[in-house]
Amino acid sequence: MSAAVQLLPLTSSLDEIPRLADAVEAFCAPLEPGPRDLHALQLALEEAVTNVITHGYGEQPGHAFTLELRREERRVTAVLTDDAPAYDPLARAEVDIHAPLAERAIGGLGVHLVKKLMDSAGYERRDERNVLTLVRTFAPPAP
């Protein structure tokens, strides 16, 4: 299977989330993904996009950002690029999921989830933009 690339322009509205899920599903369809792989990628991207919209842009409408999807063999790479203020979500301290709820810091569970669902996650600040790269390798299709 040859490499494929799709650029999905997004705006700073939570109304984009269903369109995001549909685009990811359509892009991954040639891989015949199992529900676990597809759901993991969709959930991680939903969390990352929601964070850009709510935290990066403060839910202010009118901002544009992009998600680039690349498919090569059974690996899907998602590159989320926005011009919100610099923020590395991966630099957050690890969440202690075993601590009592009353002792846990607020926030960070979404980033924890993204890290656990993806094979790799990376962040860089490039040309005044946040660039978050998430990678997941899909299992072979069921026989």
C-alpha atoms as a PDB file:
ATOM      1  CA  MET A   1       0.000   0.000   0.000  1.00  0.00           C
ATOM      2  CA  SER A   2       1.465   3.366  -0.973  1.00  0.00           C
ATOM      3  CA  ALA A   3       1.601   6.371   1.308  1.00  0.00           C
ATOM      4  CA  ALA A   4      -1.391   8.686   1.406  1.00  0.00           C
ATOM      5  CA  VAL A   5      -1.741  12.180   2.818  1.00  0.00           C
ATOM      6  CA  GLN A   6      -4.811  14.256   3.651  1.00  0.00           C
ATOM      7  CA  LEU A   7      -4.902  17.803   4.987  1.00  0.00           C
ATOM      8  CA  LEU A   8      -7.963  18.631   7.064  1.00  0.00           C
ATOM      9  CA  PRO A   9      -8.498  22.348   7.742  1.00  0.00           C
ATOM     10  CA  LEU A  10     -10.253  22.977  11.057  1.00  0.00           C
ATOM     11  CA  THR A  11     -11.709  25.990  12.838  1.00  0.00           C
ATOM     12  CA  SER A  12     -11.867  26.855  16.521  1.00  0.00           C
ATOM     13  CA  SER A  13     -15.313  25.410  17.121  1.00  0.00           C
ATOM     14  CA  LEU A  14     -16.258  22.254  18.990  1.00  0.00           C
ATOM     15  CA  ASP A  15     -18.744  21.655  16.145  1.00  0.00           C
ATOM     16  CA  GLU A  16     -15.692  20.377  14.227  1.00  0.00           C
ATOM     17  CA  ILE A  17     -15.404  17.218  16.359  1.00  0.00           C
ATOM     18  CA  PRO A  18     -17.957  15.073  14.435  1.00  0.00           C
ATOM     19  CA  ARG A  19     -16.382  16.141  11.116  1.00  0.00           C
ATOM     20  CA  LEU A  20     -12.971  15.226  12.520  1.00  0.00           C
ATOM     21  CA  ALA A  21     -14.183  11.746  13.521  1.00  0.00           C
ATOM     22  CA  ASP A  22     -15.729  11.164  10.083  1.00  0.00           C
ATOM     23  CA  ALA A  23     -12.575  12.328   8.276  1.00  0.00           C
ATOM     24  CA  VAL A  24     -10.329  10.069  10.368  1.00  0.00           C
ATOM     25  CA  GLU A  25     -12.613   7.088   9.785  1.00  0.00           C
ATOM     26  CA  ALA A  26     -12.678   7.664   6.015  1.00  0.00           C
ATOM     27  CA  PHE A  27      -8.910   8.184   5.853  1.00  0.00           C
ATOM     28  CA  CYS A  28      -8.211   4.973   7.788  1.00  0.00           C
ATOM     29  CA  ALA A  29     -10.784   2.840   5.912  1.00  0.00           C
ATOM     30  CA  PRO A  30      -8.249   1.386   3.406  1.00  0.00           C
ATOM     31  CA  LEU A  31      -6.376  -0.119   6.370  1.00  0.00           C
ATOM     32  CA  GLU A  32      -9.498  -2.025   7.421  1.00  0.00           C
ATOM     33  CA  PRO A  33      -8.824  -1.007  11.016  1.00  0.00           C
ATOM     34  CA  GLY A  34     -10.176  -2.901  13.952  1.00  0.00           C
ATOM     35  CA  PRO A  35     -12.467  -0.918  16.216  1.00  0.00           C
ATOM     36  CA  ARG A  36      -9.778  -0.675  18.909  1.00  0.00           C
ATOM     37  CA  ASP A  37      -7.231   1.003  16.621  1.00  0.00           C
ATOM     38  CA  LEU A  38      -9.727   3.329  14.975  1.00  0.00           C
ATOM     39  CA  HIS A  39     -11.310   4.347  18.283  1.00  0.00           C
ATOM     40  CA  ALA A  40      -7.904   4.981  19.884  1.00  0.00           C
ATOM     41  CA  LEU A  41      -6.837   7.295  17.066  1.00  0.00           C
ATOM     42  CA  GLN A  42     -10.167   9.118  16.985  1.00  0.00           C
ATOM     43  CA  LEU A  43     -10.206   9.566  20.769  1.00  0.00           C
ATOM     44  CA  ALA A  44      -6.628  10.869  20.893  1.00  0.00           C
ATOM     45  CA  LEU A  45      -7.290  13.317  18.064  1.00  0.00           C
ATOM     46  CA  GLU A  46     -10.578  14.445  19.581  1.00  0.00           C
ATOM     47  CA  GLU A  47      -8.751  15.192  22.829  1.00  0.00           C
ATOM     48  CA  ALA A  48      -5.914  17.044  21.086  1.00  0.00           C
ATOM     49  CA  VAL A  49      -8.250  19.108  18.879  1.00  0.00           C
ATOM     50  CA  THR A  50     -10.544  19.897  21.807  1.00  0.00           C
ATOM     51  CA  ASN A  51      -7.527  21.127  23.782  1.00  0.00           C
ATOM     52  CA  VAL A  52      -6.472  23.427  20.930  1.00  0.00           C
ATOM     53  CA  ILE A  53      -9.990  24.862  20.672  1.00  0.00           C
ATOM     54  CA  THR A  54     -10.724  25.237  24.394  1.00  0.00           C
ATOM     55  CA  HIS A  55      -7.302  25.997  25.867  1.00  0.00           C
ATOM     56  CA  GLY A  56      -5.240  27.265  22.942  1.00  0.00           C
ATOM     57  CA  TYR A  57      -7.910  29.526  21.472  1.00  0.00           C
ATOM     58  CA  GLY A  58     -10.106  29.928  24.556  1.00  0.00           C
ATOM     59  CA  GLU A  59     -13.121  28.780  22.486  1.00  0.00           C
ATOM     60  CA  GLN A  60     -12.909  32.045  20.522  1.00  0.00           C
ATOM     61  CA  PRO A  61     -14.289  31.511  17.018  1.00  0.00           C
ATOM     62  CA  GLY A  62     -12.451  32.483  13.861  1.00  0.00           C
ATOM     63  CA  HIS A  63      -9.148  30.673  14.317  1.00  0.00           C
ATOM     64  CA  ALA A  64      -7.979  28.195  11.710  1.00  0.00           C
ATOM     65  CA  PHE A  65      -5.615  25.269  12.220  1.00  0.00           C
ATOM     66  CA  THR A  66      -4.827  22.018  10.422  1.00  0.00           C
ATOM     67  CA  LEU A  67      -4.612  18.298  10.888  1.00  0.00           C
ATOM     68  CA  GLU A  68      -2.446  16.415   8.427  1.00  0.00           C
ATOM     69  CA  LEU A  69      -3.016  12.672   8.242  1.00  0.00           C
ATOM     70  CA  ARG A  70      -0.394  10.396   6.701  1.00  0.00           C
ATOM     71  CA  ARG A  71      -0.905   6.711   6.097  1.00  0.00           C
ATOM     72  CA  GLU A  72       2.022   4.457   5.273  1.00  0.00           C
ATOM     73  CA  GLU A  73       1.785   0.684   5.504  1.00  0.00           C
ATOM     74  CA  ARG A  74      -0.211   0.204   8.724  1.00  0.00           C
ATOM     75  CA  ARG A  75       1.044   3.345  10.453  1.00  0.00           C
ATOM     76  CA  VAL A  76      -1.021   6.529  10.695  1.00  0.00           C
ATOM     77  CA  THR A  77       0.719   9.775  11.586  1.00  0.00           C
ATOM     78  CA  ALA A  78      -1.374  12.783  12.586  1.00  0.00           C
ATOM     79  CA  VAL A  79       0.225  16.231  12.686  1.00  0.00           C
ATOM     80  CA  LEU A  80      -1.842  18.918  14.389  1.00  0.00           C
ATOM     81  CA  THR A  81      -0.596  22.463  13.719  1.00  0.00           C
ATOM     82  CA  ASP A  82      -2.009  25.607  15.316  1.00  0.00           C
ATOM     83  CA  ASP A  83      -0.961  29.203  15.924  1.00  0.00           C
ATOM     84  CA  ALA A  84      -2.208  29.413  19.513  1.00  0.00           C
ATOM     85  CA  PRO A  85       0.234  30.530  22.216  1.00  0.00           C
ATOM     86  CA  ALA A  86       3.143  28.141  22.694  1.00  0.00           C
ATOM     87  CA  TYR A  87       2.210  25.138  24.801  1.00  0.00           C
ATOM     88  CA  ASP A  88       3.720  21.671  24.988  1.00  0.00           C
ATOM     89  CA  PRO A  89       0.995  19.376  26.339  1.00  0.00           C
ATOM     90  CA  LEU A  90       3.445  16.491  26.534  1.00  0.00           C
ATOM     91  CA  ALA A  91       5.611  18.370  29.054  1.00  0.00           C
ATOM     92  CA  ARG A  92       2.910  18.129  31.730  1.00  0.00           C
ATOM     93  CA  ALA A  93       3.825  16.071  34.753  1.00  0.00           C
ATOM     94  CA  GLU A  94       2.560  12.514  34.592  1.00  0.00           C
ATOM     95  CA  VAL A  95      -0.829  12.001  36.178  1.00  0.00           C
ATOM     96  CA  ASP A  96      -0.861   9.711  39.180  1.00  0.00           C
ATOM     97  CA  ILE A  97      -3.960   7.737  38.275  1.00  0.00           C
ATOM     98  CA  HIS A  98      -3.589   5.701  41.467  1.00  0.00           C
ATOM     99  CA  ALA A  99      -3.757   8.701  43.825  1.00  0.00           C
ATOM    100  CA  PRO A 100      -7.059   9.350  45.594  1.00  0.00           C
ATOM    101  CA  LEU A 101      -9.277  11.708  43.598  1.00  0.00           C
ATOM    102  CA  ALA A 102      -9.079  14.412  46.267  1.00  0.00           C
ATOM    103  CA  GLU A 103      -5.274  14.461  45.954  1.00  0.00           C
ATOM    104  CA  ARG A 104      -5.011  14.592  42.163  1.00  0.00           C
ATOM    105  CA  ALA A 105      -4.117  17.782  40.346  1.00  0.00           C
ATOM    106  CA  ILE A 106      -6.812  19.192  38.091  1.00  0.00           C
ATOM    107  CA  GLY A 107      -6.319  18.474  34.410  1.00  0.00           C
ATOM    108  CA  GLY A 108      -3.876  16.323  32.543  1.00  0.00           C
ATOM    109  CA  LEU A 109      -6.008  13.201  32.147  1.00  0.00           C
ATOM    110  CA  GLY A 110      -6.620  13.910  28.461  1.00  0.00           C
ATOM    111  CA  VAL A 111      -2.908  14.218  27.731  1.00  0.00           C
ATOM    112  CA  HIS A 112      -2.303  11.057  29.762  1.00  0.00           C
ATOM    113  CA  LEU A 113      -4.891   9.302  27.621  1.00  0.00           C
ATOM    114  CA  VAL A 114      -3.306  10.530  24.376  1.00  0.00           C
ATOM    115  CA  LYS A 115       0.113   9.257  25.476  1.00  0.00           C
ATOM    116  CA  LYS A 116      -1.317   5.842  26.372  1.00  0.00           C
ATOM    117  CA  LEU A 117      -3.322   5.460  23.158  1.00  0.00           C
ATOM    118  CA  MET A 118      -0.550   6.413  20.738  1.00  0.00           C
ATOM    119  CA  ASP A 119       2.655   4.569  19.899  1.00  0.00           C
ATOM    120  CA  SER A 120       4.465   7.893  20.002  1.00  0.00           C
ATOM    121  CA  ALA A 121       3.720  11.548  20.587  1.00  0.00           C
ATOM    122  CA  GLY A 122       5.967  14.535  19.959  1.00  0.00           C
ATOM    123  CA  TYR A 123       5.731  18.295  20.241  1.00  0.00           C
ATOM    124  CA  GLU A 124       7.720  21.121  18.764  1.00  0.00           C
ATOM    125  CA  ARG A 125       7.296  24.853  18.341  1.00  0.00           C
ATOM    126  CA  ARG A 126       8.019  25.668  14.699  1.00  0.00           C
ATOM    127  CA  ASP A 127       7.546  29.015  12.921  1.00  0.00           C
ATOM    128  CA  GLU A 128       5.402  30.421  15.751  1.00  0.00           C
ATOM    129  CA  ARG A 129       3.166  27.345  15.627  1.00  0.00           C
ATOM    130  CA  ASN A 130       2.507  24.397  17.917  1.00  0.00           C
ATOM    131  CA  VAL A 131       3.121  21.122  16.109  1.00  0.00           C
ATOM    132  CA  LEU A 132       1.847  17.972  17.812  1.00  0.00           C
ATOM    133  CA  THR A 133       2.679  14.690  16.081  1.00  0.00           C
ATOM    134  CA  LEU A 134       0.851  11.494  17.059  1.00  0.00           C
ATOM    135  CA  VAL A 135       1.587   8.049  15.622  1.00  0.00           C
ATOM    136  CA  ARG A 136      -0.331   4.785  15.870  1.00  0.00           C
ATOM    137  CA  THR A 137       0.426   1.530  14.096  1.00  0.00           C
ATOM    138  CA  PHE A 138      -2.711  -0.462  13.320  1.00  0.00           C
ATOM    139  CA  ALA A 139      -2.947  -4.206  13.815  1.00  0.00           C
ATOM    140  CA  PRO A 140      -3.377  -6.297  10.667  1.00  0.00           C
ATOM    141  CA  PRO A 141      -6.996  -6.664   9.555  1.00  0.00           C
ATOM    142  CA  ALA A 142      -8.869  -9.605  10.994  1.00  0.00           C
ATOM    143  CA  PRO A 143      -8.976 -12.608   8.636  1.00  0.00           C
END
